[in-house]
Amino acid sequence: QVQLVESGGGLVQPGGSLRLSCAASGTIFDITTMAWYRQAPGKQRELVAFITRVSSTNYADSVKGRFTLSRDNAKNTVYLQMNNLKPEDTAVYYCNTLPFQRDYWGQGTQVTVSS
């Protein structure tokens, strides 16, 4: 059974940085495109970025140039480096596959950008 555990969120001031981690158990990691999603209060969950098995990446326009996705297949972990954070980045961040699997959603990690 696949489990995805997100960590690294927190409270940061505008312009600050955070690095999120997603640790995956199970055997799907090295053959799967992994993605980060986020859900802000009152809004639908949205795709933030994804990374393929060979580390090709793609980003939503809203985070392009500020967020960087990477993966360590040996550690079954995906990282999201978030720089120059803005208040509109405030959300719960989740990792999942792309396309997502309903059974893979974890608890997410809260990111709050506020002065």
C-alpha atoms as a PDB file:
ATOM      1  CA  GLN A   1       0.000   0.000   0.000  1.00  0.00           C
ATOM      2  CA  VAL A   2       1.295   3.428  -0.932  1.00  0.00           C
ATOM      3  CA  GLN A   3       1.634   6.102   1.720  1.00  0.00           C
ATOM      4  CA  LEU A   4       2.703   9.687   1.113  1.00  0.00           C
ATOM      5  CA  VAL A   5       3.802  11.841   4.046  1.00  0.00           C
ATOM      6  CA  GLU A   6       4.296  15.563   3.591  1.00  0.00           C
ATOM      7  CA  SER A   7       6.405  17.740   5.879  1.00  0.00           C
ATOM      8  CA  GLY A   8       8.232  21.040   6.023  1.00  0.00           C
ATOM      9  CA  GLY A   9       5.409  23.540   6.149  1.00  0.00           C
ATOM     10  CA  GLY A  10       5.205  26.441   8.534  1.00  0.00           C
ATOM     11  CA  LEU A  11       4.711  30.150   8.990  1.00  0.00           C
ATOM     12  CA  VAL A  12       6.965  32.400   6.960  1.00  0.00           C
ATOM     13  CA  GLN A  13       7.040  36.073   6.102  1.00  0.00           C
ATOM     14  CA  PRO A  14       6.493  37.288   2.541  1.00  0.00           C
ATOM     15  CA  GLY A  15       9.699  36.850   0.579  1.00  0.00           C
ATOM     16  CA  GLY A  16      10.789  33.936   2.723  1.00  0.00           C
ATOM     17  CA  SER A  17      11.528  30.342   1.803  1.00  0.00           C
ATOM     18  CA  LEU A  18      10.458  26.854   2.789  1.00  0.00           C
ATOM     19  CA  ARG A  19      11.345  23.395   1.575  1.00  0.00           C
ATOM     20  CA  LEU A  20       8.629  20.772   1.590  1.00  0.00           C
ATOM     21  CA  SER A  21       9.340  17.056   1.555  1.00  0.00           C
ATOM     22  CA  CYS A  22       7.162  14.157   0.470  1.00  0.00           C
ATOM     23  CA  ALA A  23       8.269  10.713   1.572  1.00  0.00           C
ATOM     24  CA  ALA A  24       6.684   7.828  -0.277  1.00  0.00           C
ATOM     25  CA  SER A  25       6.402   4.236   0.791  1.00  0.00           C
ATOM     26  CA  GLY A  26       5.530   1.427  -1.576  1.00  0.00           C
ATOM     27  CA  THR A  27       7.004   0.462  -4.909  1.00  0.00           C
ATOM     28  CA  ILE A  28       5.500   3.000  -7.265  1.00  0.00           C
ATOM     29  CA  PHE A  29       7.811   5.893  -6.645  1.00  0.00           C
ATOM     30  CA  ASP A  30      10.547   5.286  -9.183  1.00  0.00           C
ATOM     31  CA  ILE A  31       8.133   4.632 -12.033  1.00  0.00           C
ATOM     32  CA  THR A  32       5.756   7.459 -11.360  1.00  0.00           C
ATOM     33  CA  THR A  33       5.350  11.139 -12.027  1.00  0.00           C
ATOM     34  CA  MET A  34       4.999  12.872  -8.680  1.00  0.00           C
ATOM     35  CA  ALA A  35       3.229  16.139  -8.110  1.00  0.00           C
ATOM     36  CA  TRP A  36       2.521  18.783  -5.500  1.00  0.00           C
ATOM     37  CA  TYR A  37      -0.955  20.185  -5.129  1.00  0.00           C
ATOM     38  CA  ARG A  38      -2.304  22.862  -2.829  1.00  0.00           C
ATOM     39  CA  GLN A  39      -5.646  23.901  -1.455  1.00  0.00           C
ATOM     40  CA  ALA A  40      -6.254  27.369  -0.106  1.00  0.00           C
ATOM     41  CA  PRO A  41      -9.212  28.127   2.179  1.00  0.00           C
ATOM     42  CA  GLY A  42     -12.418  28.277   0.178  1.00  0.00           C
ATOM     43  CA  LYS A  43     -10.728  27.206  -3.046  1.00  0.00           C
ATOM     44  CA  GLN A  44     -10.397  23.994  -4.995  1.00  0.00           C
ATOM     45  CA  ARG A  45      -7.254  21.932  -4.861  1.00  0.00           C
ATOM     46  CA  GLU A  46      -4.875  22.897  -7.649  1.00  0.00           C
ATOM     47  CA  LEU A  47      -1.804  21.406  -9.258  1.00  0.00           C
ATOM     48  CA  VAL A  48       1.349  23.319  -8.364  1.00  0.00           C
ATOM     49  CA  ALA A  49       4.108  21.346 -10.078  1.00  0.00           C
ATOM     50  CA  PHE A  50       5.074  17.873 -11.185  1.00  0.00           C
ATOM     51  CA  ILE A  51       8.243  15.936 -11.833  1.00  0.00           C
ATOM     52  CA  THR A  52       8.623  12.884 -14.027  1.00  0.00           C
ATOM     53  CA  ARG A  53      10.633   9.794 -13.275  1.00  0.00           C
ATOM     54  CA  VAL A  54      13.579  11.281 -15.177  1.00  0.00           C
ATOM     55  CA  SER A  55      13.211  14.615 -13.367  1.00  0.00           C
ATOM     56  CA  SER A  56      11.573  16.685 -16.067  1.00  0.00           C
ATOM     57  CA  THR A  57       9.548  19.360 -14.329  1.00  0.00           C
ATOM     58  CA  ASN A  58       6.554  21.540 -14.999  1.00  0.00           C
ATOM     59  CA  TYR A  59       5.170  24.399 -12.924  1.00  0.00           C
ATOM     60  CA  ALA A  60       1.963  26.354 -12.650  1.00  0.00           C
ATOM     61  CA  ASP A  61       2.375  29.897 -13.941  1.00  0.00           C
ATOM     62  CA  SER A  62       1.723  31.274 -10.467  1.00  0.00           C
ATOM     63  CA  VAL A  63       4.852  29.624  -9.036  1.00  0.00           C
ATOM     64  CA  LYS A  64       7.149  29.503 -12.046  1.00  0.00           C
ATOM     65  CA  GLY A  65      10.535  30.985 -11.253  1.00  0.00           C
ATOM     66  CA  ARG A  66       9.957  30.775  -7.500  1.00  0.00           C
ATOM     67  CA  PHE A  67       9.401  27.061  -6.816  1.00  0.00           C
ATOM     68  CA  THR A  68      11.767  24.241  -7.702  1.00  0.00           C
ATOM     69  CA  LEU A  69      10.856  20.575  -7.650  1.00  0.00           C
ATOM     70  CA  SER A  70      13.365  17.755  -7.262  1.00  0.00           C
ATOM     71  CA  ARG A  71      13.304  14.082  -6.406  1.00  0.00           C
ATOM     72  CA  ASP A  72      15.620  11.527  -4.858  1.00  0.00           C
ATOM     73  CA  ASN A  73      14.571   8.141  -6.178  1.00  0.00           C
ATOM     74  CA  ALA A  74      16.940   6.335  -3.802  1.00  0.00           C
ATOM     75  CA  LYS A  75      15.130   7.907  -0.862  1.00  0.00           C
ATOM     76  CA  ASN A  76      11.642   7.801  -2.401  1.00  0.00           C
ATOM     77  CA  THR A  77      11.351  11.497  -1.636  1.00  0.00           C
ATOM     78  CA  VAL A  78      10.213  14.539  -3.561  1.00  0.00           C
ATOM     79  CA  TYR A  79      11.181  18.047  -2.531  1.00  0.00           C
ATOM     80  CA  LEU A  80       9.547  21.383  -3.255  1.00  0.00           C
ATOM     81  CA  GLN A  81      11.805  24.359  -2.682  1.00  0.00           C
ATOM     82  CA  MET A  82       9.681  27.473  -2.377  1.00  0.00           C
ATOM     83  CA  ASN A  83      11.359  30.869  -2.566  1.00  0.00           C
ATOM     84  CA  ASN A  84      10.029  34.413  -2.568  1.00  0.00           C
ATOM     85  CA  LEU A  85       6.821  33.228  -0.969  1.00  0.00           C
ATOM     86  CA  LYS A  86       3.724  35.381  -1.268  1.00  0.00           C
ATOM     87  CA  PRO A  87       0.584  35.567   0.871  1.00  0.00           C
ATOM     88  CA  GLU A  88      -1.333  33.936  -1.969  1.00  0.00           C
ATOM     89  CA  ASP A  89       0.842  30.836  -1.564  1.00  0.00           C
ATOM     90  CA  THR A  90      -0.883  30.180   1.754  1.00  0.00           C
ATOM     91  CA  ALA A  91      -2.492  26.750   1.527  1.00  0.00           C
ATOM     92  CA  VAL A  92      -2.283  23.149   2.591  1.00  0.00           C
ATOM     93  CA  TYR A  93       0.223  21.436   0.312  1.00  0.00           C
ATOM     94  CA  TYR A  94      -0.173  17.794  -0.686  1.00  0.00           C
ATOM     95  CA  CYS A  95       1.849  15.417  -2.784  1.00  0.00           C
ATOM     96  CA  ASN A  96       0.375  12.708  -4.955  1.00  0.00           C
ATOM     97  CA  THR A  97       0.969  11.085  -8.290  1.00  0.00           C
ATOM     98  CA  LEU A  98      -0.051  12.656 -11.570  1.00  0.00           C
ATOM     99  CA  PRO A  99      -2.785  11.902 -12.293  1.00  0.00           C
ATOM    100  CA  PHE A 100      -3.633  11.722  -8.632  1.00  0.00           C
ATOM    101  CA  GLN A 101      -4.907   8.630  -6.919  1.00  0.00           C
ATOM    102  CA  ARG A 102      -7.734   9.135  -4.436  1.00  0.00           C
ATOM    103  CA  ASP A 103      -6.273   6.651  -1.988  1.00  0.00           C
ATOM    104  CA  TYR A 104      -2.891   8.394  -1.878  1.00  0.00           C
ATOM    105  CA  TRP A 105      -3.931  11.712  -0.346  1.00  0.00           C
ATOM    106  CA  GLY A 106      -2.135  12.344   2.941  1.00  0.00           C
ATOM    107  CA  GLN A 107      -2.679  14.956   5.627  1.00  0.00           C
ATOM    108  CA  GLY A 108      -0.745  17.611   3.776  1.00  0.00           C
ATOM    109  CA  THR A 109       1.434  20.295   5.303  1.00  0.00           C
ATOM    110  CA  GLN A 110       0.252  23.809   6.076  1.00  0.00           C
ATOM    111  CA  VAL A 111       2.111  26.738   4.550  1.00  0.00           C
ATOM    112  CA  THR A 112       1.189  30.167   5.842  1.00  0.00           C
ATOM    113  CA  VAL A 113       2.766  33.292   4.379  1.00  0.00           C
ATOM    114  CA  SER A 114       2.048  36.298   6.506  1.00  0.00           C
ATOM    115  CA  SER A 115       3.755  39.267   8.078  1.00  0.00           C
END
